[in-house]
Amino acid sequence: MHRRLALAAMVVALPAVARADETASASLAAARKAIVAGDFAGGRSTAQKIFGGESSSAERAAAAELMFVADTWASSGGRPPATPARLPAMDPAQDWHAAFAAARDRLFVGAYDDAAARFDQLVGVAPDLVAAARAAELRSLAREAISVNPAPAPVPTPTEPVVETPAKGKEEPVPATKETRWYGWQTLIVDAGSIALMPLVPPLGIGGYLLGPPLVHVFHGRPLPALGDFGLRLTIPPTCGVIGFAAAHGCTGFLCELEGAAVGLIIGAGIAIGIDAIFLAREQVEVEKPKQVTIVPLVSPTRAGVGGTF
């Protein structure tokens, strides 16, 4: 009995916890947006609301970092413009807190790209969930600052020359090409439904046979094939019916000749259906080929790596 009551209490509490997490996440996102826009007082007030709710220690730590950044930028006269300056990377595995302080200092001076890269590394080697939440929140703030105010392209200097060697085989993006796409399965589905309706509701079945597949071509933006398909369906079955009637001429009884005409009609309808599905139900569509991957090695006195376009 006690287990059932405890389980029921957990089920009732779970939605409340989920709502609290969503509220804290929304408040953090709103605070980041306000701080990046220069509304430091509003961002600080929004982040401070998290301390009054049912938020976790990690969310409170993230809110405290946002409040600290808002206060720092407010006291310095505003959010600094983006700068491409980079410093040699520290090893966060040796001194995580010192590396975090250095990354936060890069954020304070406007080196958003450098700060985002440092916080991204710090999240992966954080000693606990609270530390990871602090680094992740400032990483999101740096990325939002980049999207609002991207840094200019870095210019190589004599103290840190950057040599870029394009990889061999680099090509321009290939323009979109056209390929043939078959949609005859759609006309065959309409024909199958029409044939099934003919013995039950003959007018509806005949109308579906004559007009259904041509409308499929119209929906694909191909009015001329639709007109040609209607002409085939209107002329081929009667022609084959006449041929069947003539072939059965002279057999015993008039009904025998009518049976030959009926067989001709059925064969003609099948021929029209086949021509439509095999030859007419094909369209040209544009297909964009994927861009070629280009890898560019980056070499400098302080770092080495690779970059590229994808």
C-alpha atoms as a PDB file:
ATOM      1  CA  MET A   1       0.000   0.000   0.000  1.00  0.00           C
ATOM      2  CA  HIS A   2       2.799   2.409   0.947  1.00  0.00           C
ATOM      3  CA  ARG A   3       4.606   1.616  -2.302  1.00  0.00           C
ATOM      4  CA  ARG A   4       1.481   2.431  -4.299  1.00  0.00           C
ATOM      5  CA  LEU A   5       1.083   5.773  -2.512  1.00  0.00           C
ATOM      6  CA  ALA A   6       4.744   6.653  -3.086  1.00  0.00           C
ATOM      7  CA  LEU A   7       4.477   5.746  -6.772  1.00  0.00           C
ATOM      8  CA  ALA A   8       1.344   7.867  -7.157  1.00  0.00           C
ATOM      9  CA  ALA A   9       3.084  10.806  -5.488  1.00  0.00           C
ATOM     10  CA  MET A  10       6.003  10.488  -7.894  1.00  0.00           C
ATOM     11  CA  VAL A  11       3.663  10.409 -10.905  1.00  0.00           C
ATOM     12  CA  VAL A  12       1.936  13.577  -9.658  1.00  0.00           C
ATOM     13  CA  ALA A  13       5.247  15.321  -8.961  1.00  0.00           C
ATOM     14  CA  LEU A  14       6.911  14.546 -12.294  1.00  0.00           C
ATOM     15  CA  PRO A  15       4.855  17.023 -14.373  1.00  0.00           C
ATOM     16  CA  ALA A  16       5.570  19.745 -11.818  1.00  0.00           C
ATOM     17  CA  VAL A  17       9.320  19.076 -12.044  1.00  0.00           C
ATOM     18  CA  ALA A  18       9.152  19.106 -15.841  1.00  0.00           C
ATOM     19  CA  ARG A  19       7.290  22.421 -15.781  1.00  0.00           C
ATOM     20  CA  ALA A  20       9.862  23.870 -13.390  1.00  0.00           C
ATOM     21  CA  ASP A  21      12.705  22.807 -15.708  1.00  0.00           C
ATOM     22  CA  GLU A  22      10.926  24.332 -18.701  1.00  0.00           C
ATOM     23  CA  THR A  23      10.321  27.571 -16.782  1.00  0.00           C
ATOM     24  CA  ALA A  24      13.975  27.806 -15.733  1.00  0.00           C
ATOM     25  CA  SER A  25      15.187  27.096 -19.267  1.00  0.00           C
ATOM     26  CA  ALA A  26      12.839  29.740 -20.674  1.00  0.00           C
ATOM     27  CA  SER A  27      14.006  32.268 -18.080  1.00  0.00           C
ATOM     28  CA  LEU A  28      17.661  31.581 -18.877  1.00  0.00           C
ATOM     29  CA  ALA A  29      17.000  31.974 -22.603  1.00  0.00           C
ATOM     30  CA  ALA A  30      15.123  35.257 -22.039  1.00  0.00           C
ATOM     31  CA  ALA A  31      17.918  36.547 -19.788  1.00  0.00           C
ATOM     32  CA  ARG A  32      20.559  35.727 -22.429  1.00  0.00           C
ATOM     33  CA  LYS A  33      18.557  37.494 -25.121  1.00  0.00           C
ATOM     34  CA  ALA A  34      18.161  40.626 -22.998  1.00  0.00           C
ATOM     35  CA  ILE A  35      21.846  40.722 -22.042  1.00  0.00           C
ATOM     36  CA  VAL A  36      23.017  40.309 -25.636  1.00  0.00           C
ATOM     37  CA  ALA A  37      20.616  43.093 -26.680  1.00  0.00           C
ATOM     38  CA  GLY A  38      22.152  45.421 -24.057  1.00  0.00           C
ATOM     39  CA  ASP A  39      19.301  45.317 -21.523  1.00  0.00           C
ATOM     40  CA  PHE A  40      21.528  44.342 -18.611  1.00  0.00           C
ATOM     41  CA  ALA A  41      19.054  45.299 -15.892  1.00  0.00           C
ATOM     42  CA  GLY A  42      16.258  43.320 -17.538  1.00  0.00           C
ATOM     43  CA  GLY A  43      18.513  40.323 -18.147  1.00  0.00           C
ATOM     44  CA  ARG A  44      19.720  40.365 -14.554  1.00  0.00           C
ATOM     45  CA  SER A  45      16.150  40.608 -13.238  1.00  0.00           C
ATOM     46  CA  THR A  46      15.016  37.699 -15.415  1.00  0.00           C
ATOM     47  CA  ALA A  47      17.931  35.504 -14.342  1.00  0.00           C
ATOM     48  CA  GLN A  48      17.305  36.366 -10.683  1.00  0.00           C
ATOM     49  CA  LYS A  49      13.764  34.970 -10.881  1.00  0.00           C
ATOM     50  CA  ILE A  50      15.220  31.466 -11.107  1.00  0.00           C
ATOM     51  CA  PHE A  51      16.360  31.674  -7.495  1.00  0.00           C
ATOM     52  CA  GLY A  52      12.767  32.051  -6.338  1.00  0.00           C
ATOM     53  CA  GLY A  53      11.442  28.934  -8.066  1.00  0.00           C
ATOM     54  CA  GLU A  54      11.980  25.191  -7.839  1.00  0.00           C
ATOM     55  CA  SER A  55      15.099  25.227  -9.987  1.00  0.00           C
ATOM     56  CA  SER A  56      18.089  22.926  -9.558  1.00  0.00           C
ATOM     57  CA  SER A  57      21.493  23.948  -8.259  1.00  0.00           C
ATOM     58  CA  ALA A  58      22.886  23.699 -11.790  1.00  0.00           C
ATOM     59  CA  GLU A  59      20.246  26.112 -13.132  1.00  0.00           C
ATOM     60  CA  ARG A  60      20.904  28.537 -10.290  1.00  0.00           C
ATOM     61  CA  ALA A  61      24.633  28.420 -10.984  1.00  0.00           C
ATOM     62  CA  ALA A  62      23.971  29.172 -14.651  1.00  0.00           C
ATOM     63  CA  ALA A  63      21.728  32.110 -13.686  1.00  0.00           C
ATOM     64  CA  ALA A  64      24.435  33.452 -11.359  1.00  0.00           C
ATOM     65  CA  GLU A  65      26.942  33.452 -14.231  1.00  0.00           C
ATOM     66  CA  LEU A  66      24.522  35.441 -16.413  1.00  0.00           C
ATOM     67  CA  MET A  67      24.006  37.982 -13.626  1.00  0.00           C
ATOM     68  CA  PHE A  68      27.771  38.339 -13.216  1.00  0.00           C
ATOM     69  CA  VAL A  69      28.248  38.979 -16.953  1.00  0.00           C
ATOM     70  CA  ALA A  70      25.371  41.488 -16.981  1.00  0.00           C
ATOM     71  CA  ASP A  71      26.893  43.390 -14.054  1.00  0.00           C
ATOM     72  CA  THR A  72      30.370  43.378 -15.620  1.00  0.00           C
ATOM     73  CA  TRP A  73      29.201  44.675 -18.996  1.00  0.00           C
ATOM     74  CA  ALA A  74      26.947  47.264 -17.346  1.00  0.00           C
ATOM     75  CA  SER A  75      29.818  48.620 -15.266  1.00  0.00           C
ATOM     76  CA  SER A  76      32.145  48.749 -18.300  1.00  0.00           C
ATOM     77  CA  GLY A  77      29.707  50.805 -20.374  1.00  0.00           C
ATOM     78  CA  GLY A  78      28.052  48.131 -22.506  1.00  0.00           C
ATOM     79  CA  ARG A  79      28.656  44.896 -24.360  1.00  0.00           C
ATOM     80  CA  PRO A  80      31.948  45.153 -26.261  1.00  0.00           C
ATOM     81  CA  PRO A  81      32.028  44.711 -30.038  1.00  0.00           C
ATOM     82  CA  ALA A  82      33.143  41.343 -31.362  1.00  0.00           C
ATOM     83  CA  THR A  83      36.862  40.827 -31.853  1.00  0.00           C
ATOM     84  CA  PRO A  84      38.608  37.912 -33.596  1.00  0.00           C
ATOM     85  CA  ALA A  85      41.555  37.948 -31.172  1.00  0.00           C
ATOM     86  CA  ARG A  86      42.569  34.556 -29.839  1.00  0.00           C
ATOM     87  CA  LEU A  87      44.933  33.471 -27.081  1.00  0.00           C
ATOM     88  CA  PRO A  88      46.838  30.201 -26.691  1.00  0.00           C
ATOM     89  CA  ALA A  89      44.501  27.564 -25.318  1.00  0.00           C
ATOM     90  CA  MET A  90      44.791  26.332 -21.737  1.00  0.00           C
ATOM     91  CA  ASP A  91      44.470  22.744 -20.643  1.00  0.00           C
ATOM     92  CA  PRO A  92      41.205  22.573 -18.647  1.00  0.00           C
ATOM     93  CA  ALA A  93      42.036  19.063 -17.469  1.00  0.00           C
ATOM     94  CA  GLN A  94      44.897  20.459 -15.366  1.00  0.00           C
ATOM     95  CA  ASP A  95      43.114  23.480 -13.827  1.00  0.00           C
ATOM     96  CA  TRP A  96      39.446  23.633 -14.839  1.00  0.00           C
ATOM     97  CA  HIS A  97      38.543  26.677 -12.738  1.00  0.00           C
ATOM     98  CA  ALA A  98      41.498  28.717 -14.042  1.00  0.00           C
ATOM     99  CA  ALA A  99      40.570  27.789 -17.606  1.00  0.00           C
ATOM    100  CA  PHE A 100      36.945  28.781 -16.909  1.00  0.00           C
ATOM    101  CA  ALA A 101      38.040  32.177 -15.549  1.00  0.00           C
ATOM    102  CA  ALA A 102      40.218  32.743 -18.631  1.00  0.00           C
ATOM    103  CA  ALA A 103      37.315  31.845 -20.963  1.00  0.00           C
ATOM    104  CA  ARG A 104      34.991  34.197 -19.079  1.00  0.00           C
ATOM    105  CA  ASP A 105      37.577  37.000 -19.396  1.00  0.00           C
ATOM    106  CA  ARG A 106      37.570  36.427 -23.176  1.00  0.00           C
ATOM    107  CA  LEU A 107      33.790  36.825 -23.121  1.00  0.00           C
ATOM    108  CA  PHE A 108      34.084  40.099 -21.184  1.00  0.00           C
ATOM    109  CA  VAL A 109      36.365  41.711 -23.821  1.00  0.00           C
ATOM    110  CA  GLY A 110      34.243  40.627 -26.831  1.00  0.00           C
ATOM    111  CA  ALA A 111      36.272  37.637 -28.050  1.00  0.00           C
ATOM    112  CA  TYR A 112      33.027  35.693 -28.398  1.00  0.00           C
ATOM    113  CA  ASP A 113      34.279  33.124 -30.898  1.00  0.00           C
ATOM    114  CA  ASP A 114      37.314  32.301 -28.763  1.00  0.00           C
ATOM    115  CA  ALA A 115      35.194  32.184 -25.592  1.00  0.00           C
ATOM    116  CA  ALA A 116      32.596  29.874 -27.177  1.00  0.00           C
ATOM    117  CA  ALA A 117      35.310  27.433 -28.262  1.00  0.00           C
ATOM    118  CA  ARG A 118      36.852  27.444 -24.768  1.00  0.00           C
ATOM    119  CA  PHE A 119      33.504  26.929 -22.994  1.00  0.00           C
ATOM    120  CA  ASP A 120      32.672  24.100 -25.390  1.00  0.00           C
ATOM    121  CA  GLN A 121      35.863  22.339 -24.316  1.00  0.00           C
ATOM    122  CA  LEU A 122      35.181  23.056 -20.648  1.00  0.00           C
ATOM    123  CA  VAL A 123      31.696  21.485 -20.812  1.00  0.00           C
ATOM    124  CA  GLY A 124      33.212  18.176 -21.918  1.00  0.00           C
ATOM    125  CA  VAL A 125      35.692  17.987 -19.002  1.00  0.00           C
ATOM    126  CA  ALA A 126      33.632  19.647 -16.244  1.00  0.00           C
ATOM    127  CA  PRO A 127      34.195  18.116 -12.793  1.00  0.00           C
ATOM    128  CA  ASP A 128      30.465  18.097 -11.938  1.00  0.00           C
ATOM    129  CA  LEU A 129      27.013  18.998 -13.270  1.00  0.00           C
ATOM    130  CA  VAL A 130      27.046  22.476 -11.718  1.00  0.00           C
ATOM    131  CA  ALA A 131      30.339  23.351 -13.402  1.00  0.00           C
ATOM    132  CA  ALA A 132      29.076  21.949 -16.703  1.00  0.00           C
ATOM    133  CA  ALA A 133      25.913  24.076 -16.436  1.00  0.00           C
ATOM    134  CA  ARG A 134      27.983  27.246 -15.828  1.00  0.00           C
ATOM    135  CA  ALA A 135      30.178  26.591 -18.860  1.00  0.00           C
ATOM    136  CA  ALA A 136      27.233  25.593 -21.075  1.00  0.00           C
ATOM    137  CA  GLU A 137      25.276  28.744 -20.183  1.00  0.00           C
ATOM    138  CA  LEU A 138      28.168  31.096 -20.997  1.00  0.00           C
ATOM    139  CA  ARG A 139      28.819  29.107 -24.189  1.00  0.00           C
ATOM    140  CA  SER A 140      25.224  29.782 -25.268  1.00  0.00           C
ATOM    141  CA  LEU A 141      25.633  33.473 -24.386  1.00  0.00           C
ATOM    142  CA  ALA A 142      28.821  33.720 -26.466  1.00  0.00           C
ATOM    143  CA  ARG A 143      27.164  32.016 -29.441  1.00  0.00           C
ATOM    144  CA  GLU A 144      24.157  34.347 -29.293  1.00  0.00           C
ATOM    145  CA  ALA A 145      26.517  37.337 -29.179  1.00  0.00           C
ATOM    146  CA  ILE A 146      28.268  35.967 -32.282  1.00  0.00           C
ATOM    147  CA  SER A 147      24.957  35.649 -34.158  1.00  0.00           C
ATOM    148  CA  VAL A 148      24.008  39.237 -33.289  1.00  0.00           C
ATOM    149  CA  ASN A 149      27.441  40.781 -33.836  1.00  0.00           C
ATOM    150  CA  PRO A 150      29.848  38.478 -35.727  1.00  0.00           C
ATOM    151  CA  ALA A 151      33.546  39.237 -35.515  1.00  0.00           C
ATOM    152  CA  PRO A 152      35.477  40.441 -38.584  1.00  0.00           C
ATOM    153  CA  ALA A 153      37.787  38.009 -40.308  1.00  0.00           C
ATOM    154  CA  PRO A 154      41.132  37.718 -38.491  1.00  0.00           C
ATOM    155  CA  VAL A 155      44.138  39.275 -40.234  1.00  0.00           C
ATOM    156  CA  PRO A 156      47.421  37.323 -39.912  1.00  0.00           C
ATOM    157  CA  THR A 157      50.120  39.300 -38.097  1.00  0.00           C
ATOM    158  CA  PRO A 158      53.942  38.843 -37.981  1.00  0.00           C
ATOM    159  CA  THR A 159      53.621  37.443 -34.444  1.00  0.00           C
ATOM    160  CA  GLU A 160      51.146  34.767 -35.511  1.00  0.00           C
ATOM    161  CA  PRO A 161      51.286  34.066 -39.232  1.00  0.00           C
ATOM    162  CA  VAL A 162      48.681  31.687 -40.584  1.00  0.00           C
ATOM    163  CA  VAL A 163      49.470  29.689 -43.688  1.00  0.00           C
ATOM    164  CA  GLU A 164      46.523  28.167 -45.499  1.00  0.00           C
ATOM    165  CA  THR A 165      47.182  25.505 -48.086  1.00  0.00           C
ATOM    166  CA  PRO A 166      44.094  24.580 -50.114  1.00  0.00           C
ATOM    167  CA  ALA A 167      43.668  20.864 -50.520  1.00  0.00           C
ATOM    168  CA  LYS A 168      43.980  19.403 -53.975  1.00  0.00           C
ATOM    169  CA  GLY A 169      40.856  18.680 -55.910  1.00  0.00           C
ATOM    170  CA  LYS A 170      38.870  21.671 -54.671  1.00  0.00           C
ATOM    171  CA  GLU A 171      35.976  22.315 -57.049  1.00  0.00           C
ATOM    172  CA  GLU A 172      33.147  24.772 -57.321  1.00  0.00           C
ATOM    173  CA  PRO A 173      29.725  23.607 -56.082  1.00  0.00           C
ATOM    174  CA  VAL A 174      27.885  21.622 -58.722  1.00  0.00           C
ATOM    175  CA  PRO A 175      24.625  23.300 -59.815  1.00  0.00           C
ATOM    176  CA  ALA A 176      21.320  21.521 -59.489  1.00  0.00           C
ATOM    177  CA  THR A 177      20.631  18.902 -62.151  1.00  0.00           C
ATOM    178  CA  LYS A 178      17.444  17.306 -63.421  1.00  0.00           C
ATOM    179  CA  GLU A 179      16.465  13.680 -63.211  1.00  0.00           C
ATOM    180  CA  THR A 180      13.416  11.694 -64.311  1.00  0.00           C
ATOM    181  CA  ARG A 181      11.019  10.638 -61.576  1.00  0.00           C
ATOM    182  CA  TRP A 182       8.286   8.006 -62.109  1.00  0.00           C
ATOM    183  CA  TYR A 183       4.917   8.467 -60.457  1.00  0.00           C
ATOM    184  CA  GLY A 184       2.971   5.812 -62.360  1.00  0.00           C
ATOM    185  CA  TRP A 185       2.116   4.067 -59.116  1.00  0.00           C
ATOM    186  CA  GLN A 186      -0.277   6.940 -58.399  1.00  0.00           C
ATOM    187  CA  THR A 187      -2.192   6.489 -61.652  1.00  0.00           C
ATOM    188  CA  LEU A 188      -2.308   2.728 -61.112  1.00  0.00           C
ATOM    189  CA  ILE A 189      -3.852   3.212 -57.654  1.00  0.00           C
ATOM    190  CA  VAL A 190      -6.553   5.467 -59.136  1.00  0.00           C
ATOM    191  CA  ASP A 191      -7.220   2.946 -61.929  1.00  0.00           C
ATOM    192  CA  ALA A 192      -7.479   0.063 -59.467  1.00  0.00           C
ATOM    193  CA  GLY A 193     -10.044   1.981 -57.408  1.00  0.00           C
ATOM    194  CA  SER A 194     -12.057   2.868 -60.524  1.00  0.00           C
ATOM    195  CA  ILE A 195     -12.109  -0.740 -61.756  1.00  0.00           C
ATOM    196  CA  ALA A 196     -13.270  -1.908 -58.330  1.00  0.00           C
ATOM    197  CA  LEU A 197     -16.156   0.606 -58.417  1.00  0.00           C
ATOM    198  CA  MET A 198     -17.374  -0.321 -61.927  1.00  0.00           C
ATOM    199  CA  PRO A 199     -19.498  -3.346 -60.941  1.00  0.00           C
ATOM    200  CA  LEU A 200     -20.858  -1.525 -57.872  1.00  0.00           C
ATOM    201  CA  VAL A 201     -21.384   2.029 -59.193  1.00  0.00           C
ATOM    202  CA  PRO A 202     -20.718   1.954 -62.967  1.00  0.00           C
ATOM    203  CA  PRO A 203     -20.965   5.731 -63.594  1.00  0.00           C
ATOM    204  CA  LEU A 204     -18.532   6.496 -60.784  1.00  0.00           C
ATOM    205  CA  GLY A 205     -16.132   3.770 -61.896  1.00  0.00           C
ATOM    206  CA  ILE A 206     -16.159   4.897 -65.540  1.00  0.00           C
ATOM    207  CA  GLY A 207     -15.729   8.546 -64.521  1.00  0.00           C
ATOM    208  CA  GLY A 208     -12.801   7.640 -62.267  1.00  0.00           C
ATOM    209  CA  TYR A 209     -11.180   5.688 -65.098  1.00  0.00           C
ATOM    210  CA  LEU A 210     -11.529   8.557 -67.597  1.00  0.00           C
ATOM    211  CA  LEU A 211     -10.734  11.529 -65.326  1.00  0.00           C
ATOM    212  CA  GLY A 212      -8.801  10.212 -62.285  1.00  0.00           C
ATOM    213  CA  PRO A 213      -5.342   9.537 -63.799  1.00  0.00           C
ATOM    214  CA  PRO A 214      -5.427  12.704 -65.978  1.00  0.00           C
ATOM    215  CA  LEU A 215      -6.046  14.693 -62.783  1.00  0.00           C
ATOM    216  CA  VAL A 216      -2.947  13.057 -61.281  1.00  0.00           C
ATOM    217  CA  HIS A 217      -0.924  14.534 -64.162  1.00  0.00           C
ATOM    218  CA  VAL A 218      -2.528  17.925 -63.548  1.00  0.00           C
ATOM    219  CA  PHE A 219      -1.565  17.798 -59.878  1.00  0.00           C
ATOM    220  CA  HIS A 220       2.029  17.232 -61.003  1.00  0.00           C
ATOM    221  CA  GLY A 221       1.845  20.379 -63.127  1.00  0.00           C
ATOM    222  CA  ARG A 222       1.703  18.515 -66.462  1.00  0.00           C
ATOM    223  CA  PRO A 223      -1.459  19.504 -68.331  1.00  0.00           C
ATOM    224  CA  LEU A 224      -0.350  18.221 -71.765  1.00  0.00           C
ATOM    225  CA  PRO A 225       0.241  14.620 -70.597  1.00  0.00           C
ATOM    226  CA  ALA A 226      -3.111  14.864 -68.792  1.00  0.00           C
ATOM    227  CA  LEU A 227      -4.848  15.787 -72.067  1.00  0.00           C
ATOM    228  CA  GLY A 228      -3.046  13.022 -73.940  1.00  0.00           C
ATOM    229  CA  ASP A 229      -3.951  10.478 -71.271  1.00  0.00           C
ATOM    230  CA  PHE A 230      -7.632  11.462 -71.474  1.00  0.00           C
ATOM    231  CA  GLY A 231      -7.534  11.036 -75.254  1.00  0.00           C
ATOM    232  CA  LEU A 232      -6.000   7.571 -74.976  1.00  0.00           C
ATOM    233  CA  ARG A 233      -8.581   6.433 -72.449  1.00  0.00           C
ATOM    234  CA  LEU A 234     -11.414   7.827 -74.562  1.00  0.00           C
ATOM    235  CA  THR A 235     -10.336   6.292 -77.893  1.00  0.00           C
ATOM    236  CA  ILE A 236      -8.352   3.079 -77.355  1.00  0.00           C
ATOM    237  CA  PRO A 237     -11.022   0.998 -75.502  1.00  0.00           C
ATOM    238  CA  PRO A 238     -13.820   1.721 -78.061  1.00  0.00           C
ATOM    239  CA  THR A 239     -11.426   0.999 -80.938  1.00  0.00           C
ATOM    240  CA  CYS A 240     -10.434  -2.322 -79.430  1.00  0.00           C
ATOM    241  CA  GLY A 241     -14.121  -3.019 -78.746  1.00  0.00           C
ATOM    242  CA  VAL A 242     -14.935  -2.563 -82.449  1.00  0.00           C
ATOM    243  CA  ILE A 243     -12.048  -4.846 -83.357  1.00  0.00           C
ATOM    244  CA  GLY A 244     -13.307  -7.475 -80.897  1.00  0.00           C
ATOM    245  CA  PHE A 245     -16.849  -7.208 -82.290  1.00  0.00           C
ATOM    246  CA  ALA A 246     -15.524  -7.654 -85.821  1.00  0.00           C
ATOM    247  CA  ALA A 247     -13.340 -10.575 -84.809  1.00  0.00           C
ATOM    248  CA  ALA A 248     -16.353 -12.318 -83.273  1.00  0.00           C
ATOM    249  CA  HIS A 249     -18.572 -11.639 -86.308  1.00  0.00           C
ATOM    250  CA  GLY A 250     -20.107 -14.787 -87.641  1.00  0.00           C
ATOM    251  CA  CYS A 251     -20.102 -16.683 -84.367  1.00  0.00           C
ATOM    252  CA  THR A 252     -23.344 -18.173 -83.133  1.00  0.00           C
ATOM    253  CA  GLY A 253     -25.728 -15.556 -81.817  1.00  0.00           C
ATOM    254  CA  PHE A 254     -25.572 -11.783 -81.358  1.00  0.00           C
ATOM    255  CA  LEU A 255     -24.472 -12.164 -77.726  1.00  0.00           C
ATOM    256  CA  CYS A 256     -21.335 -13.905 -78.941  1.00  0.00           C
ATOM    257  CA  GLU A 257     -20.401 -10.806 -80.928  1.00  0.00           C
ATOM    258  CA  LEU A 258     -21.130  -8.593 -77.888  1.00  0.00           C
ATOM    259  CA  GLU A 259     -18.823 -10.755 -75.804  1.00  0.00           C
ATOM    260  CA  GLY A 260     -16.066 -10.158 -78.357  1.00  0.00           C
ATOM    261  CA  ALA A 261     -16.679  -6.405 -78.109  1.00  0.00           C
ATOM    262  CA  ALA A 262     -16.546  -6.566 -74.297  1.00  0.00           C
ATOM    263  CA  VAL A 263     -13.234  -8.433 -74.410  1.00  0.00           C
ATOM    264  CA  GLY A 264     -11.912  -5.788 -76.797  1.00  0.00           C
ATOM    265  CA  LEU A 265     -13.025  -2.981 -74.452  1.00  0.00           C
ATOM    266  CA  ILE A 266     -11.254  -4.621 -71.504  1.00  0.00           C
ATOM    267  CA  ILE A 267      -8.060  -5.154 -73.497  1.00  0.00           C
ATOM    268  CA  GLY A 268      -8.176  -1.555 -74.755  1.00  0.00           C
ATOM    269  CA  ALA A 269      -8.627  -0.199 -71.237  1.00  0.00           C
ATOM    270  CA  GLY A 270      -5.622  -2.250 -70.093  1.00  0.00           C
ATOM    271  CA  ILE A 271      -3.518  -0.898 -72.980  1.00  0.00           C
ATOM    272  CA  ALA A 272      -4.427   2.706 -72.080  1.00  0.00           C
ATOM    273  CA  ILE A 273      -3.635   2.092 -68.410  1.00  0.00           C
ATOM    274  CA  GLY A 274      -0.256   0.562 -69.311  1.00  0.00           C
ATOM    275  CA  ILE A 275       0.750   3.366 -71.693  1.00  0.00           C
ATOM    276  CA  ASP A 276      -0.190   5.940 -69.083  1.00  0.00           C
ATOM    277  CA  ALA A 277       1.688   4.321 -66.189  1.00  0.00           C
ATOM    278  CA  ILE A 278       4.782   3.313 -68.159  1.00  0.00           C
ATOM    279  CA  PHE A 279       5.346   6.232 -70.544  1.00  0.00           C
ATOM    280  CA  LEU A 280       3.300   9.276 -69.507  1.00  0.00           C
ATOM    281  CA  ALA A 281       3.749   9.222 -65.704  1.00  0.00           C
ATOM    282  CA  ARG A 282       7.336  10.518 -65.762  1.00  0.00           C
ATOM    283  CA  GLU A 283       8.448  14.039 -64.810  1.00  0.00           C
ATOM    284  CA  GLN A 284      11.693  15.989 -64.696  1.00  0.00           C
ATOM    285  CA  VAL A 285      12.658  17.217 -61.210  1.00  0.00           C
ATOM    286  CA  GLU A 286      15.644  19.261 -60.063  1.00  0.00           C
ATOM    287  CA  VAL A 287      18.060  17.522 -57.707  1.00  0.00           C
ATOM    288  CA  GLU A 288      20.778  19.483 -55.934  1.00  0.00           C
ATOM    289  CA  LYS A 289      23.975  17.496 -55.608  1.00  0.00           C
ATOM    290  CA  PRO A 290      25.819  17.679 -52.256  1.00  0.00           C
ATOM    291  CA  LYS A 291      28.713  20.067 -52.039  1.00  0.00           C
ATOM    292  CA  GLN A 292      32.204  18.657 -52.142  1.00  0.00           C
ATOM    293  CA  VAL A 293      34.043  18.541 -48.827  1.00  0.00           C
ATOM    294  CA  THR A 294      37.166  20.711 -48.813  1.00  0.00           C
ATOM    295  CA  ILE A 295      39.771  20.344 -46.079  1.00  0.00           C
ATOM    296  CA  VAL A 296      42.276  23.139 -45.423  1.00  0.00           C
ATOM    297  CA  PRO A 297      45.205  22.663 -43.004  1.00  0.00           C
ATOM    298  CA  LEU A 298      45.875  25.596 -40.650  1.00  0.00           C
ATOM    299  CA  VAL A 299      49.395  26.058 -39.296  1.00  0.00           C
ATOM    300  CA  SER A 300      50.712  28.729 -36.922  1.00  0.00           C
ATOM    301  CA  PRO A 301      53.448  29.005 -34.255  1.00  0.00           C
ATOM    302  CA  THR A 302      50.934  28.461 -31.468  1.00  0.00           C
ATOM    303  CA  ARG A 303      48.523  25.920 -32.933  1.00  0.00           C
ATOM    304  CA  ALA A 304      47.884  23.510 -35.734  1.00  0.00           C
ATOM    305  CA  GLY A 305      44.716  21.959 -37.049  1.00  0.00           C
ATOM    306  CA  VAL A 306      42.432  21.596 -40.011  1.00  0.00           C
ATOM    307  CA  GLY A 307      39.420  23.487 -41.262  1.00  0.00           C
ATOM    308  CA  GLY A 308      37.156  23.070 -44.197  1.00  0.00           C
ATOM    309  CA  THR A 309      33.848  23.607 -45.932  1.00  0.00           C
ATOM    310  CA  PHE A 310      31.084  21.046 -45.969  1.00  0.00           C
END
